[in-house]
Amino acid sequence: QVQLVESGGGLVQAGGSLRLSCAASGRTFGSYAVGWFRQAPGKEREFIASISSGGEGSYYADSVKGRFTISRDNAKNTVYLQMDSLKPEDSAVYYCNAKFYSREYWGQGTQVTVSS
């Protein structure tokens, strides 16, 4: 069982930065690939970025490529999402997701609001 807790969301002006954290419980977190997703009101949840279990590989949605960076520290059981050059359209609830074969867990989400 893995429990995920996101933090770091908040209100920021356009062009600003935030760093989200996804802290996990469980001794096997280092075996999980982790992704960040977001959901804006009235829209479907969308993929933002993911990172492999060991951190060697990362992938980004085109909408955030070059602005967001995903990283992880398995010693701290934490995955980060550094978000720079934020835009109002980045406003959403951000969720982290951990996946290992058929096992999949979601956090409760953290709100990010970018003002213009």
N, C-alpha and C. Protein backbone atom coordinates (compact mmCIF):
# COMPACT_ATOMS: atom_id res chain seq x y z
N GLN A 1 0.84 -1.19 0.00
CA GLN A 1 0.00 0.00 0.00
C GLN A 1 0.88 1.24 0.00
N VAL A 2 0.54 2.19 -0.84
CA VAL A 2 1.26 3.47 -0.93
C VAL A 2 0.25 4.58 -0.74
N GLN A 3 0.58 5.50 0.12
CA GLN A 3 -0.24 6.71 0.28
C GLN A 3 0.55 7.90 -0.23
N LEU A 4 -0.12 8.75 -0.98
CA LEU A 4 0.51 9.90 -1.61
C LEU A 4 -0.11 11.18 -1.08
N VAL A 5 0.74 12.14 -0.76
CA VAL A 5 0.26 13.44 -0.27
C VAL A 5 0.97 14.54 -1.06
N GLU A 6 0.18 15.31 -1.80
CA GLU A 6 0.72 16.42 -2.56
C GLU A 6 0.72 17.69 -1.70
N SER A 7 1.68 18.55 -1.98
CA SER A 7 1.75 19.84 -1.31
C SER A 7 2.48 20.82 -2.23
N GLY A 8 2.42 22.09 -1.86
CA GLY A 8 3.14 23.11 -2.61
C GLY A 8 2.30 23.95 -3.53
N GLY A 9 1.03 23.63 -3.65
CA GLY A 9 0.16 24.44 -4.48
C GLY A 9 -0.11 25.79 -3.86
N GLY A 10 -0.74 26.65 -4.62
CA GLY A 10 -1.06 27.98 -4.11
C GLY A 10 -1.41 28.92 -5.23
N LEU A 11 -1.42 30.20 -4.90
CA LEU A 11 -1.74 31.26 -5.84
C LEU A 11 -0.44 31.95 -6.26
N VAL A 12 -0.26 32.10 -7.57
CA VAL A 12 0.95 32.72 -8.10
C VAL A 12 0.58 33.56 -9.31
N GLN A 13 1.34 34.60 -9.55
CA GLN A 13 1.10 35.42 -10.73
C GLN A 13 1.67 34.75 -11.98
N ALA A 14 1.11 35.08 -13.11
CA ALA A 14 1.63 34.56 -14.37
C ALA A 14 3.11 34.90 -14.50
N GLY A 15 3.88 33.92 -14.97
CA GLY A 15 5.32 34.08 -15.08
C GLY A 15 6.07 33.60 -13.86
N GLY A 16 5.34 33.31 -12.80
CA GLY A 16 5.96 32.87 -11.56
C GLY A 16 6.24 31.38 -11.55
N SER A 17 6.68 30.91 -10.38
CA SER A 17 7.07 29.51 -10.23
C SER A 17 6.47 28.92 -8.96
N LEU A 18 6.27 27.62 -9.01
CA LEU A 18 5.88 26.84 -7.84
C LEU A 18 6.59 25.49 -7.92
N ARG A 19 6.82 24.90 -6.78
CA ARG A 19 7.33 23.53 -6.75
C ARG A 19 6.37 22.67 -5.96
N LEU A 20 5.81 21.69 -6.64
CA LEU A 20 4.92 20.74 -5.98
C LEU A 20 5.72 19.55 -5.49
N SER A 21 5.27 18.99 -4.38
CA SER A 21 5.87 17.79 -3.83
C SER A 21 4.82 16.70 -3.71
N CYS A 22 5.24 15.49 -3.91
CA CYS A 22 4.39 14.31 -3.73
C CYS A 22 5.15 13.39 -2.79
N ALA A 23 4.72 13.37 -1.54
CA ALA A 23 5.38 12.55 -0.53
C ALA A 23 4.64 11.23 -0.38
N ALA A 24 5.40 10.16 -0.37
CA ALA A 24 4.80 8.83 -0.35
C ALA A 24 5.18 8.06 0.90
N SER A 25 4.25 7.26 1.36
CA SER A 25 4.54 6.31 2.41
C SER A 25 4.86 4.97 1.75
N GLY A 26 5.45 4.06 2.48
CA GLY A 26 5.71 2.74 1.92
C GLY A 26 7.16 2.55 1.54
N ARG A 27 7.67 1.37 1.84
CA ARG A 27 9.08 1.09 1.61
C ARG A 27 9.39 0.78 0.17
N THR A 28 8.36 0.53 -0.66
CA THR A 28 8.59 0.14 -2.04
C THR A 28 8.37 1.27 -3.03
N PHE A 29 8.32 2.51 -2.54
CA PHE A 29 8.01 3.62 -3.43
C PHE A 29 9.02 3.74 -4.55
N GLY A 30 10.25 3.37 -4.29
CA GLY A 30 11.29 3.46 -5.31
C GLY A 30 11.06 2.53 -6.50
N SER A 31 10.12 1.62 -6.38
CA SER A 31 9.79 0.71 -7.48
C SER A 31 8.71 1.27 -8.40
N TYR A 32 8.10 2.36 -7.99
CA TYR A 32 6.96 2.90 -8.70
C TYR A 32 7.37 4.00 -9.68
N ALA A 33 6.80 3.95 -10.87
CA ALA A 33 6.84 5.12 -11.75
C ALA A 33 5.82 6.12 -11.21
N VAL A 34 6.11 7.38 -11.34
CA VAL A 34 5.23 8.41 -10.79
C VAL A 34 4.90 9.44 -11.86
N GLY A 35 3.66 9.81 -11.88
CA GLY A 35 3.22 10.83 -12.83
C GLY A 35 2.49 11.97 -12.13
N TRP A 36 2.49 13.11 -12.78
CA TRP A 36 1.68 14.24 -12.35
C TRP A 36 0.58 14.46 -13.38
N PHE A 37 -0.60 14.70 -12.88
CA PHE A 37 -1.76 14.98 -13.72
C PHE A 37 -2.42 16.25 -13.18
N ARG A 38 -3.27 16.84 -13.98
CA ARG A 38 -4.02 17.99 -13.50
C ARG A 38 -5.43 17.97 -14.06
N GLN A 39 -6.31 18.62 -13.33
CA GLN A 39 -7.70 18.69 -13.76
C GLN A 39 -8.24 20.07 -13.46
N ALA A 40 -8.64 20.76 -14.50
CA ALA A 40 -9.26 22.07 -14.37
C ALA A 40 -10.78 21.90 -14.34
N PRO A 41 -11.50 22.86 -13.77
CA PRO A 41 -12.96 22.74 -13.70
C PRO A 41 -13.58 22.52 -15.08
N GLY A 42 -14.44 21.52 -15.18
CA GLY A 42 -15.12 21.24 -16.42
C GLY A 42 -14.29 20.52 -17.46
N LYS A 43 -13.08 20.15 -17.09
CA LYS A 43 -12.20 19.47 -18.04
C LYS A 43 -11.80 18.10 -17.51
N GLU A 44 -11.35 17.25 -18.41
CA GLU A 44 -10.89 15.94 -18.00
C GLU A 44 -9.49 16.04 -17.39
N ARG A 45 -9.17 15.05 -16.57
CA ARG A 45 -7.83 15.00 -15.99
C ARG A 45 -6.84 14.72 -17.12
N GLU A 46 -5.74 15.46 -17.13
CA GLU A 46 -4.77 15.30 -18.19
C GLU A 46 -3.38 15.02 -17.64
N PHE A 47 -2.63 14.26 -18.41
CA PHE A 47 -1.26 13.93 -18.07
C PHE A 47 -0.37 15.15 -18.22
N ILE A 48 0.56 15.32 -17.25
CA ILE A 48 1.49 16.44 -17.30
C ILE A 48 2.92 15.93 -17.48
N ALA A 49 3.33 15.04 -16.60
CA ALA A 49 4.72 14.58 -16.63
C ALA A 49 4.80 13.25 -15.88
N SER A 50 5.84 12.48 -16.20
CA SER A 50 6.08 11.24 -15.47
C SER A 50 7.57 10.99 -15.37
N ILE A 51 7.92 10.16 -14.40
CA ILE A 51 9.32 9.82 -14.18
C ILE A 51 9.41 8.35 -13.83
N SER A 52 10.44 7.70 -14.33
CA SER A 52 10.61 6.27 -14.09
C SER A 52 10.99 6.02 -12.63
N SER A 53 10.93 4.77 -12.24
CA SER A 53 11.15 4.43 -10.84
C SER A 53 12.52 4.88 -10.34
N GLY A 54 13.54 4.74 -11.18
CA GLY A 54 14.88 5.14 -10.77
C GLY A 54 15.23 6.56 -11.15
N GLY A 55 14.33 7.23 -11.83
CA GLY A 55 14.57 8.62 -12.20
C GLY A 55 15.31 8.81 -13.50
N GLU A 56 15.59 7.71 -14.20
CA GLU A 56 16.42 7.85 -15.42
C GLU A 56 15.64 8.46 -16.58
N GLY A 57 14.35 8.21 -16.63
CA GLY A 57 13.56 8.68 -17.74
C GLY A 57 12.42 9.57 -17.29
N SER A 58 12.14 10.60 -18.06
CA SER A 58 11.02 11.48 -17.76
C SER A 58 10.33 11.87 -19.06
N TYR A 59 9.06 12.16 -18.94
CA TYR A 59 8.25 12.48 -20.11
C TYR A 59 7.34 13.64 -19.74
N TYR A 60 7.03 14.46 -20.76
CA TYR A 60 6.23 15.65 -20.52
C TYR A 60 5.16 15.81 -21.59
N ALA A 61 4.06 16.38 -21.18
CA ALA A 61 3.06 16.81 -22.15
C ALA A 61 3.62 18.01 -22.90
N ASP A 62 3.22 18.14 -24.14
CA ASP A 62 3.71 19.26 -24.96
C ASP A 62 3.38 20.60 -24.32
N SER A 63 2.27 20.67 -23.62
CA SER A 63 1.81 21.94 -23.05
C SER A 63 2.73 22.45 -21.94
N VAL A 64 3.55 21.58 -21.36
CA VAL A 64 4.41 22.01 -20.26
C VAL A 64 5.89 21.79 -20.55
N LYS A 65 6.20 21.19 -21.67
CA LYS A 65 7.59 20.89 -22.00
C LYS A 65 8.41 22.18 -22.05
N GLY A 66 9.55 22.15 -21.39
CA GLY A 66 10.40 23.33 -21.34
C GLY A 66 10.08 24.27 -20.19
N ARG A 67 8.95 24.07 -19.53
CA ARG A 67 8.58 24.93 -18.40
C ARG A 67 8.53 24.16 -17.09
N PHE A 68 8.14 22.89 -17.15
CA PHE A 68 8.03 22.06 -15.95
C PHE A 68 9.14 21.02 -15.94
N THR A 69 9.58 20.67 -14.73
CA THR A 69 10.61 19.64 -14.57
C THR A 69 10.19 18.70 -13.45
N ILE A 70 10.17 17.42 -13.77
CA ILE A 70 9.85 16.41 -12.76
C ILE A 70 11.15 15.77 -12.27
N SER A 71 11.20 15.50 -10.98
CA SER A 71 12.38 14.86 -10.40
C SER A 71 11.93 14.04 -9.20
N ARG A 72 12.82 13.21 -8.69
CA ARG A 72 12.46 12.41 -7.53
C ARG A 72 13.68 12.18 -6.66
N ASP A 73 13.40 11.98 -5.38
CA ASP A 73 14.42 11.63 -4.40
C ASP A 73 13.89 10.40 -3.67
N ASN A 74 14.33 9.24 -4.11
CA ASN A 74 13.78 8.00 -3.53
C ASN A 74 14.20 7.83 -2.06
N ALA A 75 15.30 8.44 -1.68
CA ALA A 75 15.70 8.36 -0.28
C ALA A 75 14.70 9.09 0.62
N LYS A 76 14.04 10.09 0.04
CA LYS A 76 13.03 10.86 0.79
C LYS A 76 11.62 10.45 0.41
N ASN A 77 11.48 9.44 -0.45
CA ASN A 77 10.14 9.01 -0.91
C ASN A 77 9.33 10.18 -1.44
N THR A 78 9.96 11.03 -2.24
CA THR A 78 9.29 12.24 -2.70
C THR A 78 9.58 12.47 -4.18
N VAL A 79 8.54 12.88 -4.88
CA VAL A 79 8.65 13.31 -6.27
C VAL A 79 8.26 14.79 -6.33
N TYR A 80 8.98 15.53 -7.15
CA TYR A 80 8.77 16.97 -7.26
C TYR A 80 8.33 17.34 -8.67
N LEU A 81 7.61 18.44 -8.74
CA LEU A 81 7.29 19.04 -10.03
C LEU A 81 7.61 20.53 -9.93
N GLN A 82 8.71 20.92 -10.55
CA GLN A 82 9.09 22.33 -10.60
C GLN A 82 8.36 22.97 -11.77
N MET A 83 7.59 24.00 -11.48
CA MET A 83 6.78 24.64 -12.51
C MET A 83 7.24 26.08 -12.65
N ASP A 84 7.77 26.41 -13.79
CA ASP A 84 8.25 27.76 -14.08
C ASP A 84 7.44 28.38 -15.21
N SER A 85 7.56 29.68 -15.34
CA SER A 85 6.84 30.40 -16.41
C SER A 85 5.37 30.03 -16.43
N LEU A 86 4.75 30.05 -15.28
CA LEU A 86 3.37 29.61 -15.17
C LEU A 86 2.43 30.54 -15.93
N LYS A 87 1.38 29.93 -16.47
CA LYS A 87 0.37 30.64 -17.24
C LYS A 87 -0.99 30.44 -16.57
N PRO A 88 -1.91 31.36 -16.81
CA PRO A 88 -3.26 31.17 -16.23
C PRO A 88 -3.87 29.82 -16.60
N GLU A 89 -3.59 29.33 -17.79
CA GLU A 89 -4.15 28.04 -18.20
C GLU A 89 -3.54 26.85 -17.48
N ASP A 90 -2.52 27.09 -16.66
CA ASP A 90 -1.97 26.02 -15.83
C ASP A 90 -2.79 25.84 -14.54
N SER A 91 -3.74 26.71 -14.30
CA SER A 91 -4.56 26.62 -13.09
C SER A 91 -5.37 25.33 -13.10
N ALA A 92 -5.27 24.57 -12.03
CA ALA A 92 -5.95 23.27 -11.95
C ALA A 92 -5.63 22.66 -10.59
N VAL A 93 -6.29 21.56 -10.31
CA VAL A 93 -5.87 20.71 -9.20
C VAL A 93 -4.86 19.71 -9.76
N TYR A 94 -3.73 19.64 -9.09
CA TYR A 94 -2.65 18.78 -9.54
C TYR A 94 -2.59 17.53 -8.67
N TYR A 95 -2.51 16.38 -9.32
CA TYR A 95 -2.49 15.09 -8.64
C TYR A 95 -1.23 14.32 -8.98
N CYS A 96 -0.71 13.60 -8.02
CA CYS A 96 0.35 12.66 -8.36
C CYS A 96 -0.20 11.24 -8.35
N ASN A 97 0.42 10.41 -9.13
CA ASN A 97 -0.02 9.04 -9.37
C ASN A 97 1.20 8.14 -9.33
N ALA A 98 1.11 7.07 -8.59
CA ALA A 98 2.21 6.09 -8.53
C ALA A 98 1.71 4.77 -9.09
N LYS A 99 2.53 4.18 -9.94
CA LYS A 99 2.10 2.96 -10.62
C LYS A 99 3.21 1.93 -10.66
N PHE A 100 2.83 0.68 -10.33
CA PHE A 100 3.76 -0.45 -10.40
C PHE A 100 2.95 -1.64 -10.87
N TYR A 101 3.10 -2.02 -12.11
CA TYR A 101 2.30 -3.07 -12.73
C TYR A 101 0.82 -2.75 -12.50
N SER A 102 0.09 -3.61 -11.84
CA SER A 102 -1.35 -3.39 -11.67
C SER A 102 -1.67 -2.51 -10.47
N ARG A 103 -0.69 -2.16 -9.70
CA ARG A 103 -0.94 -1.33 -8.53
C ARG A 103 -0.85 0.14 -8.92
N GLU A 104 -1.85 0.89 -8.52
CA GLU A 104 -1.91 2.30 -8.88
C GLU A 104 -2.54 3.09 -7.75
N TYR A 105 -1.94 4.20 -7.41
CA TYR A 105 -2.41 5.02 -6.31
C TYR A 105 -2.44 6.48 -6.73
N TRP A 106 -3.39 7.22 -6.14
CA TRP A 106 -3.53 8.66 -6.40
C TRP A 106 -3.47 9.42 -5.08
N GLY A 107 -2.96 10.63 -5.16
CA GLY A 107 -3.04 11.53 -4.04
C GLY A 107 -4.35 12.30 -4.07
N GLN A 108 -4.52 13.18 -3.10
CA GLN A 108 -5.78 13.92 -2.97
C GLN A 108 -5.78 15.21 -3.79
N GLY A 109 -4.62 15.62 -4.27
CA GLY A 109 -4.53 16.80 -5.11
C GLY A 109 -4.16 18.06 -4.36
N THR A 110 -3.57 19.00 -5.09
CA THR A 110 -3.24 20.31 -4.54
C THR A 110 -3.60 21.36 -5.59
N GLN A 111 -4.22 22.43 -5.14
CA GLN A 111 -4.73 23.45 -6.05
C GLN A 111 -3.62 24.41 -6.46
N VAL A 112 -3.54 24.66 -7.74
CA VAL A 112 -2.63 25.67 -8.29
C VAL A 112 -3.49 26.69 -9.03
N THR A 113 -3.32 27.95 -8.67
CA THR A 113 -4.06 29.03 -9.32
C THR A 113 -3.06 30.07 -9.81
N VAL A 114 -3.12 30.36 -11.10
CA VAL A 114 -2.20 31.32 -11.71
C VAL A 114 -3.03 32.52 -12.15
N SER A 115 -2.74 33.68 -11.59
CA SER A 115 -3.48 34.89 -11.93
C SER A 115 -2.79 35.63 -13.07
N SER A 116 -3.60 36.27 -13.87
CA SER A 116 -3.05 37.00 -15.03
C SER A 116 -2.69 38.43 -14.67
